[in-house]
């Protein structure tokens, strides 16, 4: 039994789902389960969204099996931190059986070489209980399954689900030379994020817009951001734009849906807009993404057709 831990916001959850799919395909003889207990005590972002957005009767491709608390304990040595009793139980486990559970944990730390981690993942011991943690953003885990993932991670486009205004905007973006721009600020300005994440400067966006003009004839720009006030002033140099607003809170995912329909996408250093690019099925689509990602690490180089690093 392999259990994979899910954490963080929607973009990271989708990368973790892609890795969950990779494990299921790589090890068909093993039960691959998802531990979502992190969301029982952490209210970051919009909580766990995968089932809410993708588990639908009209989407049979989305396959997701969750681990029970007992199954999670068997693989990780911990139970969800829901109270003092759980805390004491986990502390006792670490004292009495910590070394055992350390041996069956596989964690992506971000410090190991990609080829070393990939080799380890591709040679997991079969028939044992294992617990796996990490984001697993490397395209090696999803590039061969993009067609499947685009189906499994497809949003409902019904006006009743996304609203009439968004449905009309969706048609507009799909029907023209649309260029979506994502600007991530919000939590990137908060303590805990500023130490690691970069707020991309206007030089990146101006250069990316010029590249988009080379790609698209008579483009129209659509800007998506969690900081609309900033956009209205910082992008005053871009006259032919529409700032998309209204999709906040549990409707934030609609921005990803809309961006995924554009002919060209300018992403931020964000897994949210990266998935908008990965879900895009338009012929001739181009995805422009930043070289700068973290303060101490540049973005990975994509080999996917149509992806341009700037």
Protein backbone atom coordinates (compact mmCIF):
# COMPACT_ATOMS: atom_id res chain seq x y z
CA UNK A 1 0.00 0.00 0.00
CA UNK A 2 1.40 3.38 -1.05
CA UNK A 3 -0.04 6.51 0.51
CA UNK A 4 0.67 9.95 -0.91
CA UNK A 5 0.18 13.10 1.14
CA UNK A 6 -1.76 16.00 -0.41
CA UNK A 7 -1.20 19.59 0.78
CA UNK A 8 -1.39 23.24 -0.26
CA UNK A 9 -3.55 25.01 -2.87
CA UNK A 10 -5.21 23.93 -6.09
CA UNK A 11 -2.19 24.12 -8.43
CA UNK A 12 -0.07 21.98 -6.11
CA UNK A 13 -2.95 19.57 -5.54
CA UNK A 14 -3.16 19.06 -9.30
CA UNK A 15 0.57 18.31 -9.54
CA UNK A 16 0.18 15.87 -6.66
CA UNK A 17 -2.76 14.26 -8.48
CA UNK A 18 -0.60 13.91 -11.59
CA UNK A 19 2.01 12.14 -9.46
CA UNK A 20 -0.72 10.01 -7.84
CA UNK A 21 -1.70 8.99 -11.40
CA UNK A 22 1.94 8.25 -12.20
CA UNK A 23 2.20 5.91 -9.19
CA UNK A 24 -1.02 4.09 -10.09
CA UNK A 25 0.25 3.54 -13.63
CA UNK A 26 3.80 2.60 -12.55
CA UNK A 27 2.68 0.17 -9.84
CA UNK A 28 -0.63 -1.39 -10.96
CA UNK A 29 -0.32 -4.14 -8.38
CA UNK A 30 -0.28 -1.73 -5.44
CA UNK A 31 -3.09 0.17 -3.75
CA UNK A 32 -2.25 3.85 -4.16
CA UNK A 33 -4.20 6.02 -1.71
CA UNK A 34 -4.37 9.72 -0.90
CA UNK A 35 -3.89 11.19 2.56
CA UNK A 36 -5.80 14.50 2.70
CA UNK A 37 -5.69 14.83 6.50
CA UNK A 38 -3.54 17.99 6.19
CA UNK A 39 -6.75 19.85 5.33
CA UNK A 40 -8.43 18.77 8.56
CA UNK A 41 -6.30 21.22 10.52
CA UNK A 42 -4.97 23.65 7.88
CA UNK A 43 -7.35 26.15 6.27
CA UNK A 44 -4.87 27.61 3.76
CA UNK A 45 -6.17 28.64 0.34
CA UNK A 46 -9.59 27.08 -0.41
CA UNK A 47 -9.00 23.75 1.29
CA UNK A 48 -9.02 20.46 -0.58
CA UNK A 49 -10.60 21.16 -3.97
CA UNK A 50 -9.92 18.18 -6.23
CA UNK A 51 -13.04 16.17 -5.42
CA UNK A 52 -15.26 19.25 -5.33
CA UNK A 53 -14.15 20.34 -8.80
CA UNK A 54 -13.48 17.12 -10.68
CA UNK A 55 -15.49 14.30 -9.10
CA UNK A 56 -18.61 14.45 -11.26
CA UNK A 57 -20.86 11.94 -13.00
CA UNK A 58 -19.84 13.37 -16.37
CA UNK A 59 -16.12 12.96 -15.55
CA UNK A 60 -15.38 9.24 -15.10
CA UNK A 61 -11.66 9.81 -15.76
CA UNK A 62 -11.18 11.32 -12.32
CA UNK A 63 -10.17 8.41 -10.10
CA UNK A 64 -9.31 9.12 -6.49
CA UNK A 65 -9.18 6.79 -3.49
CA UNK A 66 -8.61 8.27 -0.05
CA UNK A 67 -6.79 6.59 2.81
CA UNK A 68 -8.45 6.08 6.17
CA UNK A 69 -6.81 7.39 9.35
CA UNK A 70 -5.73 3.84 10.21
CA UNK A 71 -4.22 3.24 6.76
CA UNK A 72 -2.37 6.54 7.01
CA UNK A 73 -1.00 5.54 10.39
CA UNK A 74 0.19 2.18 9.05
CA UNK A 75 2.28 3.97 6.40
CA UNK A 76 3.32 7.20 8.14
CA UNK A 77 3.22 6.58 11.87
CA UNK A 78 0.94 9.56 12.45
CA UNK A 79 -2.78 10.22 12.60
CA UNK A 80 -4.45 13.55 11.73
CA UNK A 81 -3.67 16.30 14.27
CA UNK A 82 -7.26 16.83 15.35
CA UNK A 83 -6.72 17.21 19.10
CA UNK A 84 -4.55 16.54 22.12
CA UNK A 85 -5.15 12.79 22.02
CA UNK A 86 -3.82 12.58 18.46
CA UNK A 87 -0.82 14.71 19.42
CA UNK A 88 0.06 12.43 22.34
CA UNK A 89 -0.46 9.29 20.26
CA UNK A 90 1.84 10.57 17.51
CA UNK A 91 4.46 11.57 20.06
CA UNK A 92 4.39 8.10 21.56
CA UNK A 93 4.74 6.53 18.11
CA UNK A 94 7.79 8.65 17.34
CA UNK A 95 9.39 7.54 20.61
CA UNK A 96 8.63 3.84 20.26
CA UNK A 97 8.59 3.14 16.52
CA UNK A 98 10.01 6.21 14.83
CA UNK A 99 12.88 4.42 13.10
CA UNK A 100 10.51 1.92 11.52
CA UNK A 101 8.39 4.64 9.93
CA UNK A 102 11.44 6.62 8.83
CA UNK A 103 12.45 3.64 6.71
CA UNK A 104 9.16 3.58 4.81
CA UNK A 105 8.87 7.33 4.16
CA UNK A 106 9.81 8.80 0.77
CA UNK A 107 10.03 12.57 0.77
CA UNK A 108 10.81 15.09 -1.94
CA UNK A 109 12.90 17.72 -0.15
CA UNK A 110 13.83 19.90 -3.12
CA UNK A 111 17.50 19.42 -2.31
CA UNK A 112 18.08 16.10 -4.04
CA UNK A 113 19.02 15.82 -7.72
CA UNK A 114 16.03 15.15 -9.98
CA UNK A 115 17.50 12.04 -11.50
CA UNK A 116 18.25 10.61 -8.04
CA UNK A 117 14.68 11.21 -6.84
CA UNK A 118 13.16 9.86 -10.06
CA UNK A 119 15.27 6.70 -9.86
CA UNK A 120 14.16 6.18 -6.27
CA UNK A 121 10.49 6.67 -7.18
CA UNK A 122 10.81 4.29 -10.11
CA UNK A 123 12.23 1.57 -7.87
CA UNK A 124 9.93 1.58 -4.87
CA UNK A 125 9.82 -1.70 -2.94
CA UNK A 126 6.62 -3.48 -3.87
CA UNK A 127 4.30 -5.20 -1.43
CA UNK A 128 5.21 -2.85 1.45
CA UNK A 129 3.53 0.05 3.18
CA UNK A 130 5.09 3.34 2.05
CA UNK A 131 4.33 7.00 2.74
CA UNK A 132 5.27 9.60 0.10
CA UNK A 133 5.39 13.39 0.50
CA UNK A 134 6.24 16.22 -1.88
CA UNK A 135 4.87 18.32 -4.74
CA UNK A 136 6.56 16.47 -7.64
CA UNK A 137 6.44 19.30 -10.19
CA UNK A 138 8.89 17.69 -12.61
CA UNK A 139 7.29 17.15 -16.03
CA UNK A 140 8.72 13.64 -16.09
CA UNK A 141 5.80 12.62 -13.87
CA UNK A 142 3.03 13.98 -16.12
CA UNK A 143 4.18 14.77 -19.69
CA UNK A 144 3.30 11.31 -21.02
CA UNK A 145 -0.17 11.39 -19.47
CA UNK A 146 -1.29 14.93 -20.37
CA UNK A 147 -4.19 13.76 -22.54
CA UNK A 148 -5.57 11.69 -19.68
CA UNK A 149 -4.95 14.41 -17.10
CA UNK A 150 -6.69 17.02 -19.25
CA UNK A 151 -9.77 14.83 -19.05
CA UNK A 152 -9.53 13.87 -15.40
CA UNK A 153 -8.83 17.48 -14.36
CA UNK A 154 -11.46 19.09 -16.60
CA UNK A 155 -13.70 21.75 -15.08
CA UNK A 156 -17.43 21.95 -15.57
CA UNK A 157 -18.17 24.72 -18.06
CA UNK A 158 -21.92 24.81 -17.45
CA UNK A 159 -23.31 28.33 -16.91
CA UNK A 160 -25.07 27.02 -13.83
CA UNK A 161 -21.70 26.14 -12.31
CA UNK A 162 -19.51 29.03 -13.43
CA UNK A 163 -22.12 31.76 -13.91
CA UNK A 164 -23.53 33.35 -17.07
CA UNK A 165 -20.94 36.16 -17.20
CA UNK A 166 -18.04 33.70 -17.01
CA UNK A 167 -19.70 31.44 -19.60
CA UNK A 168 -19.94 34.38 -22.01
CA UNK A 169 -16.32 35.37 -21.29
CA UNK A 170 -15.27 31.78 -21.89
CA UNK A 171 -16.75 31.88 -25.39
CA UNK A 172 -15.08 35.22 -26.08
CA UNK A 173 -11.65 33.94 -25.02
CA UNK A 174 -12.04 30.70 -26.98
CA UNK A 175 -13.15 32.51 -30.13
CA UNK A 176 -10.38 35.05 -30.57
CA UNK A 177 -6.66 35.81 -30.42
CA UNK A 178 -6.77 35.91 -26.65
CA UNK A 179 -3.74 36.36 -24.43
CA UNK A 180 -4.20 35.61 -20.73
CA UNK A 181 -1.83 37.16 -18.20
CA UNK A 182 -1.57 35.85 -14.65
CA UNK A 183 -0.16 38.06 -11.90
CA UNK A 184 0.30 36.33 -8.55
CA UNK A 185 0.63 38.63 -5.53
CA UNK A 186 -1.65 38.00 -2.53
CA UNK A 187 0.07 35.46 -0.28
CA UNK A 188 3.43 36.09 -1.99
CA UNK A 189 3.50 39.39 -0.07
CA UNK A 190 2.94 37.72 3.30
CA UNK A 191 5.55 36.62 5.86
CA UNK A 192 6.60 33.06 5.18
CA UNK A 193 6.37 33.62 1.42
CA UNK A 194 8.48 36.75 0.90
CA UNK A 195 11.59 34.91 2.05
CA UNK A 196 11.31 32.40 -0.81
CA UNK A 197 9.03 33.67 -3.57
CA UNK A 198 9.69 36.37 -6.16
CA UNK A 199 7.17 39.00 -7.17
CA UNK A 200 7.78 39.22 -10.89
CA UNK A 201 8.64 42.67 -12.18
CA UNK A 202 7.08 44.55 -15.09
CA UNK A 203 10.11 43.79 -17.27
CA UNK A 204 9.03 40.17 -17.46
CA UNK A 205 5.44 41.04 -18.32
CA UNK A 206 6.40 43.68 -20.91
CA UNK A 207 8.80 41.30 -22.66
CA UNK A 208 6.22 38.53 -22.55
CA UNK A 209 3.56 40.81 -24.03
CA UNK A 210 5.89 41.70 -26.90
CA UNK A 211 6.47 38.00 -27.54
CA UNK A 212 2.70 37.43 -27.49
CA UNK A 213 2.23 40.17 -30.09
CA UNK A 214 4.63 38.29 -32.36
CA UNK A 215 2.59 35.11 -31.91
CA UNK A 216 -0.96 36.45 -32.10
CA UNK A 217 -2.42 38.77 -34.70
CA UNK A 218 -4.49 41.56 -33.15
CA UNK A 219 -4.37 40.07 -29.65
CA UNK A 220 -6.69 40.99 -26.83
CA UNK A 221 -5.26 40.74 -23.34
CA UNK A 222 -7.07 39.37 -20.29
CA UNK A 223 -5.41 39.90 -16.92
CA UNK A 224 -6.10 37.62 -13.96
CA UNK A 225 -4.82 38.46 -10.50
CA UNK A 226 -5.56 38.27 -6.80
CA UNK A 227 -4.68 41.99 -6.56
CA UNK A 228 -6.96 43.91 -8.93
CA UNK A 229 -6.06 47.34 -7.51
CA UNK A 230 -2.41 46.73 -8.31
CA UNK A 231 -3.25 45.63 -11.86
CA UNK A 232 -5.22 48.74 -12.69
CA UNK A 233 -2.19 50.94 -12.06
CA UNK A 234 0.77 48.66 -12.82
CA UNK A 235 -0.55 47.72 -16.28
CA UNK A 236 -1.56 51.20 -17.42
CA UNK A 237 0.96 50.74 -20.28
CA UNK A 238 -1.29 48.03 -21.79
CA UNK A 239 -4.38 49.72 -23.23
CA UNK A 240 -6.06 46.77 -24.97
CA UNK A 241 -6.75 44.78 -21.83
CA UNK A 242 -9.59 43.47 -19.72
CA UNK A 243 -9.06 42.90 -16.04
CA UNK A 244 -11.10 39.85 -15.05
CA UNK A 245 -12.66 40.22 -11.62
CA UNK A 246 -15.25 38.51 -9.47
CA UNK A 247 -13.80 35.01 -9.25
CA UNK A 248 -12.67 34.93 -5.64
CA UNK A 249 -12.87 32.51 -2.74
CA UNK A 250 -14.26 29.14 -3.77
CA UNK A 251 -14.77 30.50 -7.29
CA UNK A 252 -11.09 31.29 -7.82
CA UNK A 253 -10.64 28.14 -9.89
CA UNK A 254 -12.72 29.73 -12.67
CA UNK A 255 -9.74 31.97 -13.47
CA UNK A 256 -7.71 28.83 -14.22
CA UNK A 257 -10.50 27.54 -16.45
CA UNK A 258 -10.68 30.82 -18.39
CA UNK A 259 -6.91 31.10 -18.79
CA UNK A 260 -6.75 27.53 -20.09
CA UNK A 261 -8.84 28.54 -23.12
CA UNK A 262 -6.61 31.34 -24.39
CA UNK A 263 -4.45 31.19 -27.51
CA UNK A 264 -1.44 32.45 -25.58
CA UNK A 265 -0.83 32.40 -21.85
CA UNK A 266 1.67 34.45 -19.86
CA UNK A 267 2.08 32.67 -16.54
CA UNK A 268 3.33 33.83 -13.18
CA UNK A 269 5.75 31.84 -11.03
CA UNK A 270 2.75 29.92 -9.82
CA UNK A 271 1.50 26.36 -10.18
CA UNK A 272 -2.01 27.82 -10.58
CA UNK A 273 -1.29 29.43 -13.95
CA UNK A 274 1.11 26.65 -14.93
CA UNK A 275 -1.83 24.26 -14.83
CA UNK A 276 -3.86 26.66 -16.97
CA UNK A 277 -1.14 26.13 -19.56
CA UNK A 278 -1.02 22.36 -19.11
CA UNK A 279 -4.79 22.06 -19.53
CA UNK A 280 -4.83 24.17 -22.70
CA UNK A 281 -5.81 22.14 -25.77
CA UNK A 282 -6.04 24.95 -28.35
CA UNK A 283 -4.11 24.27 -31.53
CA UNK A 284 -1.07 26.51 -31.76
CA UNK A 285 -1.26 27.58 -28.12
CA UNK A 286 1.86 29.15 -26.65
CA UNK A 287 2.69 29.30 -22.96
CA UNK A 288 5.21 31.93 -21.84
CA UNK A 289 6.64 31.26 -18.39
CA UNK A 290 9.26 33.03 -16.25
CA UNK A 291 12.82 31.89 -15.78
CA UNK A 292 12.73 33.39 -12.28
CA UNK A 293 10.67 31.30 -9.88
CA UNK A 294 12.03 31.25 -6.34
CA UNK A 295 14.65 33.58 -4.89
CA UNK A 296 17.13 30.73 -4.74
CA UNK A 297 15.94 28.64 -7.68
CA UNK A 298 14.94 29.27 -11.29
CA UNK A 299 12.05 27.50 -12.95
CA UNK A 300 12.46 24.10 -14.53
CA UNK A 301 13.01 24.06 -18.28
CA UNK A 302 9.96 22.61 -20.03
CA UNK A 303 10.31 20.43 -23.09
CA UNK A 304 6.59 20.59 -23.87
CA UNK A 305 5.77 21.91 -27.36
CA UNK A 306 4.80 25.59 -27.37
CA UNK A 307 6.34 26.49 -23.98
CA UNK A 308 8.64 29.52 -24.02
CA UNK A 309 10.90 30.43 -21.07
CA UNK A 310 11.68 34.11 -20.52
